[in-house]
């Protein structure tokens, strides 16, 4: 890496850190229970808006994985979800009326809180519809993964986001509060993915899957990125660059094998495609607070995309993490 590139990335990281400190002023504490955090706790960070339907199962899922404390930001919810979160004994909650798009899609708010509370902790950053799957997650808690990564001198853990969907129209996948979403949406694309290396940040850029196949068939390069680095041994000098797709320092993005062999990796099961989807897409397309003024959501609300059936003859029904490893969508690496 040339001296100029190194300097430019260092300045970029300082700018993101400054933004996070400034955007932190938009946060108002609702419940701060961070005094309960123990040094060994793996912490979860998430921004949400109007997710009262999803929050009960989301918290249950991650508690079962071994998350000990949730640090959440409510972005001006009106459905009671913030009240529910505030009542949970393992949740610290902040709220803001700030613009989601002008906070780098919530990342600035979370970075501010990570710098205050996650320094020296493993921090998992996910959305309410993302469910972390890692090798041996059915038998080993997330702390065991963190311990193995530390013993291997690894500071970050990569995943691919795997869009899950039902068999049949989305409107027939009726989701009720507290449901396991994968009882309704348990199919995925086993292939149809493209990988490209970002030479500046050294991360892999992954696209494809059902969204590229259905909603972006005419322009698959416009499909959402599926590469994420959600689990990081946090340090106050770190900064996410674009959502959780990549970080600075850029060495944190080297979550795939460089010299033969495989690094351990996971998957984020993405529970977006349920009967709730079309209504949320209309709302978010109008708000235009997501990437590129909500371009992705504007594609979803086009007439031909309403109540889509995403399932196809090549779809595969989800079983467990070992199935995903056999398909090459994740890897246990040398973790035995």
C-alpha atoms as a PDB file:
ATOM      1  CA  UNK A   1       0.000   0.000   0.000  1.00  0.00           C
ATOM      2  CA  UNK A   2       1.427   3.370  -1.011  1.00  0.00           C
ATOM      3  CA  UNK A   3       1.979   6.127   1.511  1.00  0.00           C
ATOM      4  CA  UNK A   4      -0.670   8.315  -0.109  1.00  0.00           C
ATOM      5  CA  UNK A   5      -3.318   5.556   0.013  1.00  0.00           C
ATOM      6  CA  UNK A   6      -2.445   4.820   3.630  1.00  0.00           C
ATOM      7  CA  UNK A   7      -2.763   8.496   4.534  1.00  0.00           C
ATOM      8  CA  UNK A   8      -6.071   8.833   2.665  1.00  0.00           C
ATOM      9  CA  UNK A   9      -7.624   5.848   4.435  1.00  0.00           C
ATOM     10  CA  UNK A  10      -6.373   7.056   7.809  1.00  0.00           C
ATOM     11  CA  UNK A  11      -7.997  10.451   7.217  1.00  0.00           C
ATOM     12  CA  UNK A  12     -11.177   8.756   6.077  1.00  0.00           C
ATOM     13  CA  UNK A  13     -11.292   6.724   9.280  1.00  0.00           C
ATOM     14  CA  UNK A  14     -10.774   9.861  11.388  1.00  0.00           C
ATOM     15  CA  UNK A  15     -13.642  11.494   9.536  1.00  0.00           C
ATOM     16  CA  UNK A  16     -15.982   8.570  10.300  1.00  0.00           C
ATOM     17  CA  UNK A  17     -14.986   8.691  13.969  1.00  0.00           C
ATOM     18  CA  UNK A  18     -15.649  12.435  14.113  1.00  0.00           C
ATOM     19  CA  UNK A  19     -19.052  11.929  12.463  1.00  0.00           C
ATOM     20  CA  UNK A  20     -19.932   9.270  15.043  1.00  0.00           C
ATOM     21  CA  UNK A  21     -19.083  11.582  17.945  1.00  0.00           C
ATOM     22  CA  UNK A  22     -21.145  14.375  16.402  1.00  0.00           C
ATOM     23  CA  UNK A  23     -24.107  12.121  15.560  1.00  0.00           C
ATOM     24  CA  UNK A  24     -23.994  10.702  19.073  1.00  0.00           C
ATOM     25  CA  UNK A  25     -25.481  14.011  20.208  1.00  0.00           C
ATOM     26  CA  UNK A  26     -28.713  13.018  18.460  1.00  0.00           C
ATOM     27  CA  UNK A  27     -29.202  10.110  20.871  1.00  0.00           C
ATOM     28  CA  UNK A  28     -31.312  10.299  24.025  1.00  0.00           C
ATOM     29  CA  UNK A  29     -30.966   7.555  26.592  1.00  0.00           C
ATOM     30  CA  UNK A  30     -34.134   5.639  27.489  1.00  0.00           C
ATOM     31  CA  UNK A  31     -32.649   2.835  29.601  1.00  0.00           C
ATOM     32  CA  UNK A  32     -28.928   2.526  30.286  1.00  0.00           C
ATOM     33  CA  UNK A  33     -28.141  -0.820  31.904  1.00  0.00           C
ATOM     34  CA  UNK A  34     -24.549  -0.994  30.665  1.00  0.00           C
ATOM     35  CA  UNK A  35     -23.298  -1.172  34.258  1.00  0.00           C
ATOM     36  CA  UNK A  36     -24.394  -4.833  34.077  1.00  0.00           C
ATOM     37  CA  UNK A  37     -21.883  -5.621  31.309  1.00  0.00           C
ATOM     38  CA  UNK A  38     -19.131  -8.053  32.302  1.00  0.00           C
ATOM     39  CA  UNK A  39     -15.664  -8.005  30.689  1.00  0.00           C
ATOM     40  CA  UNK A  40     -16.270 -11.302  28.863  1.00  0.00           C
ATOM     41  CA  UNK A  41     -19.713 -10.416  27.479  1.00  0.00           C
ATOM     42  CA  UNK A  42     -20.350 -10.459  23.740  1.00  0.00           C
ATOM     43  CA  UNK A  43     -22.484  -7.405  22.981  1.00  0.00           C
ATOM     44  CA  UNK A  44     -25.082  -6.929  20.252  1.00  0.00           C
ATOM     45  CA  UNK A  45     -25.689  -3.555  18.557  1.00  0.00           C
ATOM     46  CA  UNK A  46     -28.736  -2.781  16.432  1.00  0.00           C
ATOM     47  CA  UNK A  47     -30.755   0.151  15.102  1.00  0.00           C
ATOM     48  CA  UNK A  48     -34.475  -0.430  14.577  1.00  0.00           C
ATOM     49  CA  UNK A  49     -37.662   1.384  13.617  1.00  0.00           C
ATOM     50  CA  UNK A  50     -41.193   0.026  14.052  1.00  0.00           C
ATOM     51  CA  UNK A  51     -40.095  -3.563  14.691  1.00  0.00           C
ATOM     52  CA  UNK A  52     -42.423  -4.544  17.537  1.00  0.00           C
ATOM     53  CA  UNK A  53     -43.468  -7.629  15.551  1.00  0.00           C
ATOM     54  CA  UNK A  54     -39.898  -8.875  15.177  1.00  0.00           C
ATOM     55  CA  UNK A  55     -38.211  -7.860  18.423  1.00  0.00           C
ATOM     56  CA  UNK A  56     -39.445 -10.719  20.679  1.00  0.00           C
ATOM     57  CA  UNK A  57     -38.009 -13.491  18.507  1.00  0.00           C
ATOM     58  CA  UNK A  58     -34.911 -11.456  17.640  1.00  0.00           C
ATOM     59  CA  UNK A  59     -34.010 -11.096  21.331  1.00  0.00           C
ATOM     60  CA  UNK A  60     -34.879 -14.740  22.040  1.00  0.00           C
ATOM     61  CA  UNK A  61     -32.691 -16.002  19.190  1.00  0.00           C
ATOM     62  CA  UNK A  62     -29.637 -14.045  20.262  1.00  0.00           C
ATOM     63  CA  UNK A  63     -30.078 -14.834  23.947  1.00  0.00           C
ATOM     64  CA  UNK A  64     -29.998 -18.501  22.979  1.00  0.00           C
ATOM     65  CA  UNK A  65     -26.720 -17.879  21.123  1.00  0.00           C
ATOM     66  CA  UNK A  66     -25.261 -16.395  24.293  1.00  0.00           C
ATOM     67  CA  UNK A  67     -25.561 -12.629  23.807  1.00  0.00           C
ATOM     68  CA  UNK A  68     -25.492 -11.098  27.284  1.00  0.00           C
ATOM     69  CA  UNK A  69     -26.358  -7.478  26.546  1.00  0.00           C
ATOM     70  CA  UNK A  70     -28.162  -5.644  23.757  1.00  0.00           C
ATOM     71  CA  UNK A  71     -27.379  -2.018  22.933  1.00  0.00           C
ATOM     72  CA  UNK A  72     -30.213  -0.764  20.751  1.00  0.00           C
ATOM     73  CA  UNK A  73     -31.089   2.501  19.020  1.00  0.00           C
ATOM     74  CA  UNK A  74     -34.766   3.214  18.339  1.00  0.00           C
ATOM     75  CA  UNK A  75     -35.170   5.513  15.342  1.00  0.00           C
ATOM     76  CA  UNK A  76     -38.483   7.177  16.247  1.00  0.00           C
ATOM     77  CA  UNK A  77     -40.704   4.078  16.387  1.00  0.00           C
ATOM     78  CA  UNK A  78     -44.471   4.525  16.711  1.00  0.00           C
ATOM     79  CA  UNK A  79     -45.586   0.896  17.110  1.00  0.00           C
ATOM     80  CA  UNK A  80     -44.656   0.148  20.739  1.00  0.00           C
ATOM     81  CA  UNK A  81     -41.412  -1.639  19.902  1.00  0.00           C
ATOM     82  CA  UNK A  82     -39.314   0.881  21.809  1.00  0.00           C
ATOM     83  CA  UNK A  83     -41.455   0.426  24.931  1.00  0.00           C
ATOM     84  CA  UNK A  84     -41.064  -3.344  24.677  1.00  0.00           C
ATOM     85  CA  UNK A  85     -37.287  -3.080  24.279  1.00  0.00           C
ATOM     86  CA  UNK A  86     -36.990  -0.703  27.226  1.00  0.00           C
ATOM     87  CA  UNK A  87     -38.656  -3.267  29.498  1.00  0.00           C
ATOM     88  CA  UNK A  88     -36.104  -5.995  28.755  1.00  0.00           C
ATOM     89  CA  UNK A  89     -33.589  -6.467  31.608  1.00  0.00           C
ATOM     90  CA  UNK A  90     -30.636  -7.121  29.267  1.00  0.00           C
ATOM     91  CA  UNK A  91     -31.294  -4.176  26.936  1.00  0.00           C
ATOM     92  CA  UNK A  92     -29.850  -0.673  27.001  1.00  0.00           C
ATOM     93  CA  UNK A  93     -31.894   1.600  24.761  1.00  0.00           C
ATOM     94  CA  UNK A  94     -31.335   4.975  23.143  1.00  0.00           C
ATOM     95  CA  UNK A  95     -33.772   6.818  20.906  1.00  0.00           C
ATOM     96  CA  UNK A  96     -33.430   9.437  18.187  1.00  0.00           C
ATOM     97  CA  UNK A  97     -35.574  11.328  15.710  1.00  0.00           C
ATOM     98  CA  UNK A  98     -32.491  11.876  13.547  1.00  0.00           C
ATOM     99  CA  UNK A  99     -32.487  11.043   9.839  1.00  0.00           C
ATOM    100  CA  UNK A 100     -31.442   7.447   9.231  1.00  0.00           C
ATOM    101  CA  UNK A 101     -29.838   8.264   5.885  1.00  0.00           C
ATOM    102  CA  UNK A 102     -27.829  11.134   7.335  1.00  0.00           C
ATOM    103  CA  UNK A 103     -26.364   8.882  10.043  1.00  0.00           C
ATOM    104  CA  UNK A 104     -24.854   6.509   7.452  1.00  0.00           C
ATOM    105  CA  UNK A 105     -27.905   4.257   7.889  1.00  0.00           C
ATOM    106  CA  UNK A 106     -27.567   4.100  11.663  1.00  0.00           C
ATOM    107  CA  UNK A 107     -23.877   3.223  11.672  1.00  0.00           C
ATOM    108  CA  UNK A 108     -22.818   6.596  13.102  1.00  0.00           C
ATOM    109  CA  UNK A 109     -25.118   6.156  16.099  1.00  0.00           C
ATOM    110  CA  UNK A 110     -23.916   2.624  16.725  1.00  0.00           C
ATOM    111  CA  UNK A 111     -20.238   3.548  16.317  1.00  0.00           C
ATOM    112  CA  UNK A 112     -20.666   6.210  19.003  1.00  0.00           C
ATOM    113  CA  UNK A 113     -22.119   3.605  21.384  1.00  0.00           C
ATOM    114  CA  UNK A 114     -19.552   0.951  20.429  1.00  0.00           C
ATOM    115  CA  UNK A 115     -16.744   3.347  21.253  1.00  0.00           C
ATOM    116  CA  UNK A 116     -18.302   4.034  24.669  1.00  0.00           C
ATOM    117  CA  UNK A 117     -19.289   0.513  25.670  1.00  0.00           C
ATOM    118  CA  UNK A 118     -17.705  -2.117  23.382  1.00  0.00           C
ATOM    119  CA  UNK A 119     -13.995  -1.254  23.523  1.00  0.00           C
ATOM    120  CA  UNK A 120     -12.267  -4.570  24.263  1.00  0.00           C
ATOM    121  CA  UNK A 121     -15.470  -6.592  23.726  1.00  0.00           C
ATOM    122  CA  UNK A 122     -16.590  -8.698  20.818  1.00  0.00           C
ATOM    123  CA  UNK A 123     -19.400  -6.696  19.211  1.00  0.00           C
ATOM    124  CA  UNK A 124     -22.036  -8.164  16.897  1.00  0.00           C
ATOM    125  CA  UNK A 125     -23.762  -5.579  14.685  1.00  0.00           C
ATOM    126  CA  UNK A 126     -26.920  -6.774  12.915  1.00  0.00           C
ATOM    127  CA  UNK A 127     -30.361  -5.652  11.777  1.00  0.00           C
ATOM    128  CA  UNK A 128     -33.556  -6.963  13.377  1.00  0.00           C
ATOM    129  CA  UNK A 129     -34.179  -9.236  10.381  1.00  0.00           C
ATOM    130  CA  UNK A 130     -30.651 -10.736  10.371  1.00  0.00           C
ATOM    131  CA  UNK A 131     -29.845 -13.957  12.239  1.00  0.00           C
ATOM    132  CA  UNK A 132     -26.221 -14.927  12.761  1.00  0.00           C
ATOM    133  CA  UNK A 133     -25.243 -18.520  11.935  1.00  0.00           C
ATOM    134  CA  UNK A 134     -21.684 -19.690  12.579  1.00  0.00           C
ATOM    135  CA  UNK A 135     -19.959 -23.103  12.691  1.00  0.00           C
ATOM    136  CA  UNK A 136     -21.227 -25.250  15.570  1.00  0.00           C
ATOM    137  CA  UNK A 137     -23.818 -22.624  16.551  1.00  0.00           C
ATOM    138  CA  UNK A 138     -26.191 -25.460  17.419  1.00  0.00           C
ATOM    139  CA  UNK A 139     -23.832 -26.717  20.163  1.00  0.00           C
ATOM    140  CA  UNK A 140     -21.435 -23.872  21.028  1.00  0.00           C
ATOM    141  CA  UNK A 141     -22.318 -20.397  22.323  1.00  0.00           C
ATOM    142  CA  UNK A 142     -21.052 -17.273  20.623  1.00  0.00           C
ATOM    143  CA  UNK A 143     -18.517 -16.817  23.433  1.00  0.00           C
ATOM    144  CA  UNK A 144     -16.857 -20.063  22.296  1.00  0.00           C
ATOM    145  CA  UNK A 145     -16.517 -18.609  18.793  1.00  0.00           C
ATOM    146  CA  UNK A 146     -15.055 -15.410  20.241  1.00  0.00           C
ATOM    147  CA  UNK A 147     -12.575 -17.366  22.362  1.00  0.00           C
ATOM    148  CA  UNK A 148     -11.423 -19.407  19.358  1.00  0.00           C
ATOM    149  CA  UNK A 149     -11.025 -16.280  17.211  1.00  0.00           C
ATOM    150  CA  UNK A 150      -8.955 -14.620  19.927  1.00  0.00           C
ATOM    151  CA  UNK A 151      -6.773 -17.710  20.330  1.00  0.00           C
ATOM    152  CA  UNK A 152      -6.244 -17.598  16.557  1.00  0.00           C
ATOM    153  CA  UNK A 153      -5.321 -13.890  16.702  1.00  0.00           C
ATOM    154  CA  UNK A 154      -8.348 -12.999  14.568  1.00  0.00           C
ATOM    155  CA  UNK A 155     -10.180  -9.711  15.171  1.00  0.00           C
ATOM    156  CA  UNK A 156     -13.093  -9.919  12.724  1.00  0.00           C
ATOM    157  CA  UNK A 157     -15.430 -12.573  11.379  1.00  0.00           C
ATOM    158  CA  UNK A 158     -17.097 -12.452   7.971  1.00  0.00           C
ATOM    159  CA  UNK A 159     -20.478 -13.633   6.757  1.00  0.00           C
ATOM    160  CA  UNK A 160     -22.577 -13.759   3.637  1.00  0.00           C
ATOM    161  CA  UNK A 161     -26.153 -12.547   3.917  1.00  0.00           C
ATOM    162  CA  UNK A 162     -28.501 -15.295   2.761  1.00  0.00           C
ATOM    163  CA  UNK A 163     -31.972 -14.121   1.720  1.00  0.00           C
ATOM    164  CA  UNK A 164     -34.638 -16.508   2.985  1.00  0.00           C
ATOM    165  CA  UNK A 165     -38.090 -16.693   1.392  1.00  0.00           C
ATOM    166  CA  UNK A 166     -41.276 -18.791   1.413  1.00  0.00           C
ATOM    167  CA  UNK A 167     -42.620 -21.191  -1.181  1.00  0.00           C
ATOM    168  CA  UNK A 168     -45.543 -19.285  -2.636  1.00  0.00           C
ATOM    169  CA  UNK A 169     -46.535 -15.604  -2.684  1.00  0.00           C
ATOM    170  CA  UNK A 170     -45.128 -13.425   0.087  1.00  0.00           C
ATOM    171  CA  UNK A 171     -48.644 -12.491   1.197  1.00  0.00           C
ATOM    172  CA  UNK A 172     -49.244 -16.106   2.246  1.00  0.00           C
ATOM    173  CA  UNK A 173     -46.232 -16.172   4.614  1.00  0.00           C
ATOM    174  CA  UNK A 174     -48.230 -14.764   7.541  1.00  0.00           C
ATOM    175  CA  UNK A 175     -45.892 -13.587  10.294  1.00  0.00           C
ATOM    176  CA  UNK A 176     -47.234 -13.084  13.816  1.00  0.00           C
ATOM    177  CA  UNK A 177     -45.479 -11.328  16.651  1.00  0.00           C
ATOM    178  CA  UNK A 178     -42.880 -13.581  18.258  1.00  0.00           C
ATOM    179  CA  UNK A 179     -42.863 -16.175  15.464  1.00  0.00           C
ATOM    180  CA  UNK A 180     -39.695 -17.825  14.259  1.00  0.00           C
ATOM    181  CA  UNK A 181     -39.546 -16.275  10.758  1.00  0.00           C
ATOM    182  CA  UNK A 182     -37.923 -19.392   9.340  1.00  0.00           C
ATOM    183  CA  UNK A 183     -41.071 -21.370  10.008  1.00  0.00           C
ATOM    184  CA  UNK A 184     -42.539 -19.290   7.174  1.00  0.00           C
ATOM    185  CA  UNK A 185     -39.512 -18.415   5.021  1.00  0.00           C
ATOM    186  CA  UNK A 186     -37.103 -21.356   4.938  1.00  0.00           C
ATOM    187  CA  UNK A 187     -35.953 -21.497   1.312  1.00  0.00           C
ATOM    188  CA  UNK A 188     -32.834 -19.946  -0.211  1.00  0.00           C
ATOM    189  CA  UNK A 189     -30.752 -19.816  -3.390  1.00  0.00           C
ATOM    190  CA  UNK A 190     -27.857 -22.287  -3.106  1.00  0.00           C
ATOM    191  CA  UNK A 191     -25.958 -20.681  -6.000  1.00  0.00           C
ATOM    192  CA  UNK A 192     -26.271 -17.651  -8.284  1.00  0.00           C
ATOM    193  CA  UNK A 193     -23.671 -15.502  -6.450  1.00  0.00           C
ATOM    194  CA  UNK A 194     -20.840 -13.370  -7.821  1.00  0.00           C
ATOM    195  CA  UNK A 195     -17.680 -12.346  -5.958  1.00  0.00           C
ATOM    196  CA  UNK A 196     -15.440  -9.398  -6.688  1.00  0.00           C
ATOM    197  CA  UNK A 197     -12.421  -8.200  -4.730  1.00  0.00           C
ATOM    198  CA  UNK A 198     -12.321  -4.547  -3.661  1.00  0.00           C
ATOM    199  CA  UNK A 199      -8.654  -3.643  -4.077  1.00  0.00           C
ATOM    200  CA  UNK A 200      -8.861  -0.476  -1.969  1.00  0.00           C
ATOM    201  CA  UNK A 201     -10.522  -1.991   1.101  1.00  0.00           C
ATOM    202  CA  UNK A 202      -9.503  -5.633   0.434  1.00  0.00           C
ATOM    203  CA  UNK A 203     -12.963  -6.976   1.161  1.00  0.00           C
ATOM    204  CA  UNK A 204     -15.000  -9.305  -1.039  1.00  0.00           C
ATOM    205  CA  UNK A 205     -18.070  -7.780  -2.695  1.00  0.00           C
ATOM    206  CA  UNK A 206     -20.786 -10.434  -3.030  1.00  0.00           C
ATOM    207  CA  UNK A 207     -24.010 -10.028  -5.000  1.00  0.00           C
ATOM    208  CA  UNK A 208     -26.666 -12.308  -6.405  1.00  0.00           C
ATOM    209  CA  UNK A 209     -29.228 -14.609  -4.876  1.00  0.00           C
ATOM    210  CA  UNK A 210     -32.999 -14.165  -5.097  1.00  0.00           C
ATOM    211  CA  UNK A 211     -33.016 -10.355  -5.137  1.00  0.00           C
ATOM    212  CA  UNK A 212     -30.669 -10.211  -8.115  1.00  0.00           C
ATOM    213  CA  UNK A 213     -32.670 -13.000  -9.777  1.00  0.00           C
ATOM    214  CA  UNK A 214     -36.107 -11.419  -9.316  1.00  0.00           C
ATOM    215  CA  UNK A 215     -36.080  -7.711  -8.470  1.00  0.00           C
ATOM    216  CA  UNK A 216     -32.841  -6.777 -10.276  1.00  0.00           C
ATOM    217  CA  UNK A 217     -32.819  -9.275 -13.138  1.00  0.00           C
ATOM    218  CA  UNK A 218     -32.298  -6.524 -15.737  1.00  0.00           C
ATOM    219  CA  UNK A 219     -29.437  -4.915 -13.825  1.00  0.00           C
ATOM    220  CA  UNK A 220     -27.913  -7.383 -11.333  1.00  0.00           C
ATOM    221  CA  UNK A 221     -25.051  -4.975 -10.558  1.00  0.00           C
ATOM    222  CA  UNK A 222     -27.647  -2.817  -8.773  1.00  0.00           C
ATOM    223  CA  UNK A 223     -28.584  -5.698  -6.461  1.00  0.00           C
ATOM    224  CA  UNK A 224     -27.704  -5.255  -2.765  1.00  0.00           C
ATOM    225  CA  UNK A 225     -24.302  -6.325  -1.473  1.00  0.00           C
ATOM    226  CA  UNK A 226     -24.417  -9.549   0.547  1.00  0.00           C
ATOM    227  CA  UNK A 227     -20.964  -9.442   2.176  1.00  0.00           C
ATOM    228  CA  UNK A 228     -20.901  -8.380   5.831  1.00  0.00           C
ATOM    229  CA  UNK A 229     -18.446  -8.370   8.730  1.00  0.00           C
ATOM    230  CA  UNK A 230     -20.812  -8.265  11.701  1.00  0.00           C
ATOM    231  CA  UNK A 231     -18.580  -9.647  14.485  1.00  0.00           C
ATOM    232  CA  UNK A 232     -15.533  -7.601  15.533  1.00  0.00           C
ATOM    233  CA  UNK A 233     -13.293  -7.427  18.610  1.00  0.00           C
ATOM    234  CA  UNK A 234     -14.041  -3.736  18.955  1.00  0.00           C
ATOM    235  CA  UNK A 235     -11.458  -1.037  19.415  1.00  0.00           C
ATOM    236  CA  UNK A 236     -12.099   2.698  19.610  1.00  0.00           C
ATOM    237  CA  UNK A 237      -9.897   3.215  16.575  1.00  0.00           C
ATOM    238  CA  UNK A 238     -12.134   1.086  14.306  1.00  0.00           C
ATOM    239  CA  UNK A 239     -14.849   2.342  11.979  1.00  0.00           C
ATOM    240  CA  UNK A 240     -17.339   0.740   9.630  1.00  0.00           C
ATOM    241  CA  UNK A 241     -17.150   2.292   6.171  1.00  0.00           C
ATOM    242  CA  UNK A 242     -20.396   1.204   4.509  1.00  0.00           C
ATOM    243  CA  UNK A 243     -23.002  -0.414   6.753  1.00  0.00           C
ATOM    244  CA  UNK A 244     -21.206  -3.540   8.018  1.00  0.00           C
ATOM    245  CA  UNK A 245     -19.837  -4.373   4.568  1.00  0.00           C
ATOM    246  CA  UNK A 246     -16.288  -3.212   5.331  1.00  0.00           C
ATOM    247  CA  UNK A 247     -14.139  -1.582   7.988  1.00  0.00           C
ATOM    248  CA  UNK A 248     -11.078   0.501   8.629  1.00  0.00           C
ATOM    249  CA  UNK A 249      -8.294  -0.350   9.292  1.00  0.00           C
ATOM    250  CA  UNK A 250      -8.702  -2.400   6.169  1.00  0.00           C
ATOM    251  CA  UNK A 251      -6.856  -5.402   7.586  1.00  0.00           C
ATOM    252  CA  UNK A 252     -10.129  -6.198   9.365  1.00  0.00           C
ATOM    253  CA  UNK A 253     -11.651  -6.954   5.951  1.00  0.00           C
ATOM    254  CA  UNK A 254      -9.356  -9.933   5.299  1.00  0.00           C
ATOM    255  CA  UNK A 255     -11.941 -12.453   6.440  1.00  0.00           C
ATOM    256  CA  UNK A 256     -11.347 -14.895   3.581  1.00  0.00           C
ATOM    257  CA  UNK A 257      -8.402 -17.143   2.749  1.00  0.00           C
ATOM    258  CA  UNK A 258      -5.363 -15.499   1.121  1.00  0.00           C
ATOM    259  CA  UNK A 259      -2.815 -18.294   0.734  1.00  0.00           C
ATOM    260  CA  UNK A 260      -4.821 -21.433   0.215  1.00  0.00           C
ATOM    261  CA  UNK A 261      -7.156 -23.093   2.654  1.00  0.00           C
ATOM    262  CA  UNK A 262     -10.240 -21.466   4.136  1.00  0.00           C
ATOM    263  CA  UNK A 263     -10.928 -19.093   6.968  1.00  0.00           C
ATOM    264  CA  UNK A 264     -13.877 -19.764   9.199  1.00  0.00           C
ATOM    265  CA  UNK A 265     -16.941 -17.796   8.137  1.00  0.00           C
ATOM    266  CA  UNK A 266     -20.661 -17.647   8.769  1.00  0.00           C
ATOM    267  CA  UNK A 267     -23.990 -16.582   7.338  1.00  0.00           C
ATOM    268  CA  UNK A 268     -26.615 -14.002   8.219  1.00  0.00           C
ATOM    269  CA  UNK A 269     -30.014 -15.546   7.535  1.00  0.00           C
ATOM    270  CA  UNK A 270     -32.072 -12.617   6.212  1.00  0.00           C
ATOM    271  CA  UNK A 271     -35.756 -12.799   7.153  1.00  0.00           C
ATOM    272  CA  UNK A 272     -36.986  -9.902   5.007  1.00  0.00           C
ATOM    273  CA  UNK A 273     -39.376 -11.743   2.710  1.00  0.00           C
ATOM    274  CA  UNK A 274     -42.606 -12.327   4.633  1.00  0.00           C
ATOM    275  CA  UNK A 275     -46.105 -10.889   4.318  1.00  0.00           C
ATOM    276  CA  UNK A 276     -44.797  -7.757   6.075  1.00  0.00           C
ATOM    277  CA  UNK A 277     -42.487  -7.014   3.158  1.00  0.00           C
ATOM    278  CA  UNK A 278     -44.629  -5.087   0.667  1.00  0.00           C
ATOM    279  CA  UNK A 279     -46.001  -2.670   3.264  1.00  0.00           C
ATOM    280  CA  UNK A 280     -42.539  -1.956   4.657  1.00  0.00           C
ATOM    281  CA  UNK A 281     -41.130  -1.523   1.140  1.00  0.00           C
ATOM    282  CA  UNK A 282     -43.778   1.094   0.308  1.00  0.00           C
ATOM    283  CA  UNK A 283     -43.009   2.958   3.536  1.00  0.00           C
ATOM    284  CA  UNK A 284     -39.237   2.913   3.025  1.00  0.00           C
ATOM    285  CA  UNK A 285     -39.474   3.881  -0.649  1.00  0.00           C
ATOM    286  CA  UNK A 286     -41.449   6.966   0.408  1.00  0.00           C
ATOM    287  CA  UNK A 287     -39.037   7.819   3.267  1.00  0.00           C
ATOM    288  CA  UNK A 288     -36.003   7.525   0.932  1.00  0.00           C
ATOM    289  CA  UNK A 289     -33.704   7.117   3.944  1.00  0.00           C
ATOM    290  CA  UNK A 290     -31.875   4.025   2.704  1.00  0.00           C
ATOM    291  CA  UNK A 291     -28.916   3.776   0.342  1.00  0.00           C
ATOM    292  CA  UNK A 292     -29.202   5.883  -2.859  1.00  0.00           C
ATOM    293  CA  UNK A 293     -32.428   7.521  -1.636  1.00  0.00           C
ATOM    294  CA  UNK A 294     -34.123   4.162  -1.236  1.00  0.00           C
ATOM    295  CA  UNK A 295     -33.374   2.917  -4.771  1.00  0.00           C
ATOM    296  CA  UNK A 296     -33.601  -0.706  -3.636  1.00  0.00           C
ATOM    297  CA  UNK A 297     -37.030  -0.191  -2.057  1.00  0.00           C
ATOM    298  CA  UNK A 298     -38.309   1.734  -5.079  1.00  0.00           C
ATOM    299  CA  UNK A 299     -37.551  -1.366  -7.154  1.00  0.00           C
ATOM    300  CA  UNK A 300     -39.542  -3.510  -4.757  1.00  0.00           C
ATOM    301  CA  UNK A 301     -42.702  -1.380  -5.037  1.00  0.00           C
ATOM    302  CA  UNK A 302     -42.915  -1.416  -8.820  1.00  0.00           C
ATOM    303  CA  UNK A 303     -46.219  -2.944  -9.875  1.00  0.00           C
ATOM    304  CA  UNK A 304     -44.749  -6.147 -11.303  1.00  0.00           C
ATOM    305  CA  UNK A 305     -42.864  -6.741  -8.044  1.00  0.00           C
ATOM    306  CA  UNK A 306     -45.844  -6.626  -5.713  1.00  0.00           C
ATOM    307  CA  UNK A 307     -46.510  -9.904  -3.857  1.00  0.00           C
ATOM    308  CA  UNK A 308     -43.791 -11.754  -5.744  1.00  0.00           C
ATOM    309  CA  UNK A 309     -43.242 -15.473  -5.580  1.00  0.00           C
ATOM    310  CA  UNK A 310     -39.482 -15.728  -5.176  1.00  0.00           C
ATOM    311  CA  UNK A 311     -39.290 -19.528  -4.943  1.00  0.00           C
ATOM    312  CA  UNK A 312     -38.066 -21.349  -8.057  1.00  0.00           C
ATOM    313  CA  UNK A 313     -37.166 -24.892  -9.077  1.00  0.00           C
ATOM    314  CA  UNK A 314     -33.558 -24.412  -7.924  1.00  0.00           C
ATOM    315  CA  UNK A 315     -34.483 -23.210  -4.432  1.00  0.00           C
ATOM    316  CA  UNK A 316     -33.234 -25.263  -1.504  1.00  0.00           C
ATOM    317  CA  UNK A 317     -34.914 -25.705   1.872  1.00  0.00           C
ATOM    318  CA  UNK A 318     -32.833 -24.686   4.881  1.00  0.00           C
ATOM    319  CA  UNK A 319     -31.736 -27.372   7.335  1.00  0.00           C
ATOM    320  CA  UNK A 320     -28.721 -26.228   9.357  1.00  0.00           C
ATOM    321  CA  UNK A 321     -25.243 -24.696   9.205  1.00  0.00           C
ATOM    322  CA  UNK A 322     -23.652 -27.942   8.013  1.00  0.00           C
ATOM    323  CA  UNK A 323     -25.825 -27.821   4.903  1.00  0.00           C
ATOM    324  CA  UNK A 324     -24.601 -24.273   4.226  1.00  0.00           C
ATOM    325  CA  UNK A 325     -20.997 -25.370   4.656  1.00  0.00           C
ATOM    326  CA  UNK A 326     -21.479 -28.274   2.253  1.00  0.00           C
ATOM    327  CA  UNK A 327     -22.803 -25.783  -0.307  1.00  0.00           C
ATOM    328  CA  UNK A 328     -19.761 -23.549   0.157  1.00  0.00           C
ATOM    329  CA  UNK A 329     -21.754 -20.641   1.622  1.00  0.00           C
ATOM    330  CA  UNK A 330     -19.812 -20.698   4.913  1.00  0.00           C
ATOM    331  CA  UNK A 331     -16.852 -22.562   6.403  1.00  0.00           C
ATOM    332  CA  UNK A 332     -15.697 -23.899   9.719  1.00  0.00           C
ATOM    333  CA  UNK A 333     -12.092 -23.486   8.549  1.00  0.00           C
ATOM    334  CA  UNK A 334      -9.774 -25.217  10.999  1.00  0.00           C
ATOM    335  CA  UNK A 335     -12.118 -24.826  13.975  1.00  0.00           C
ATOM    336  CA  UNK A 336     -12.795 -28.374  15.057  1.00  0.00           C
END
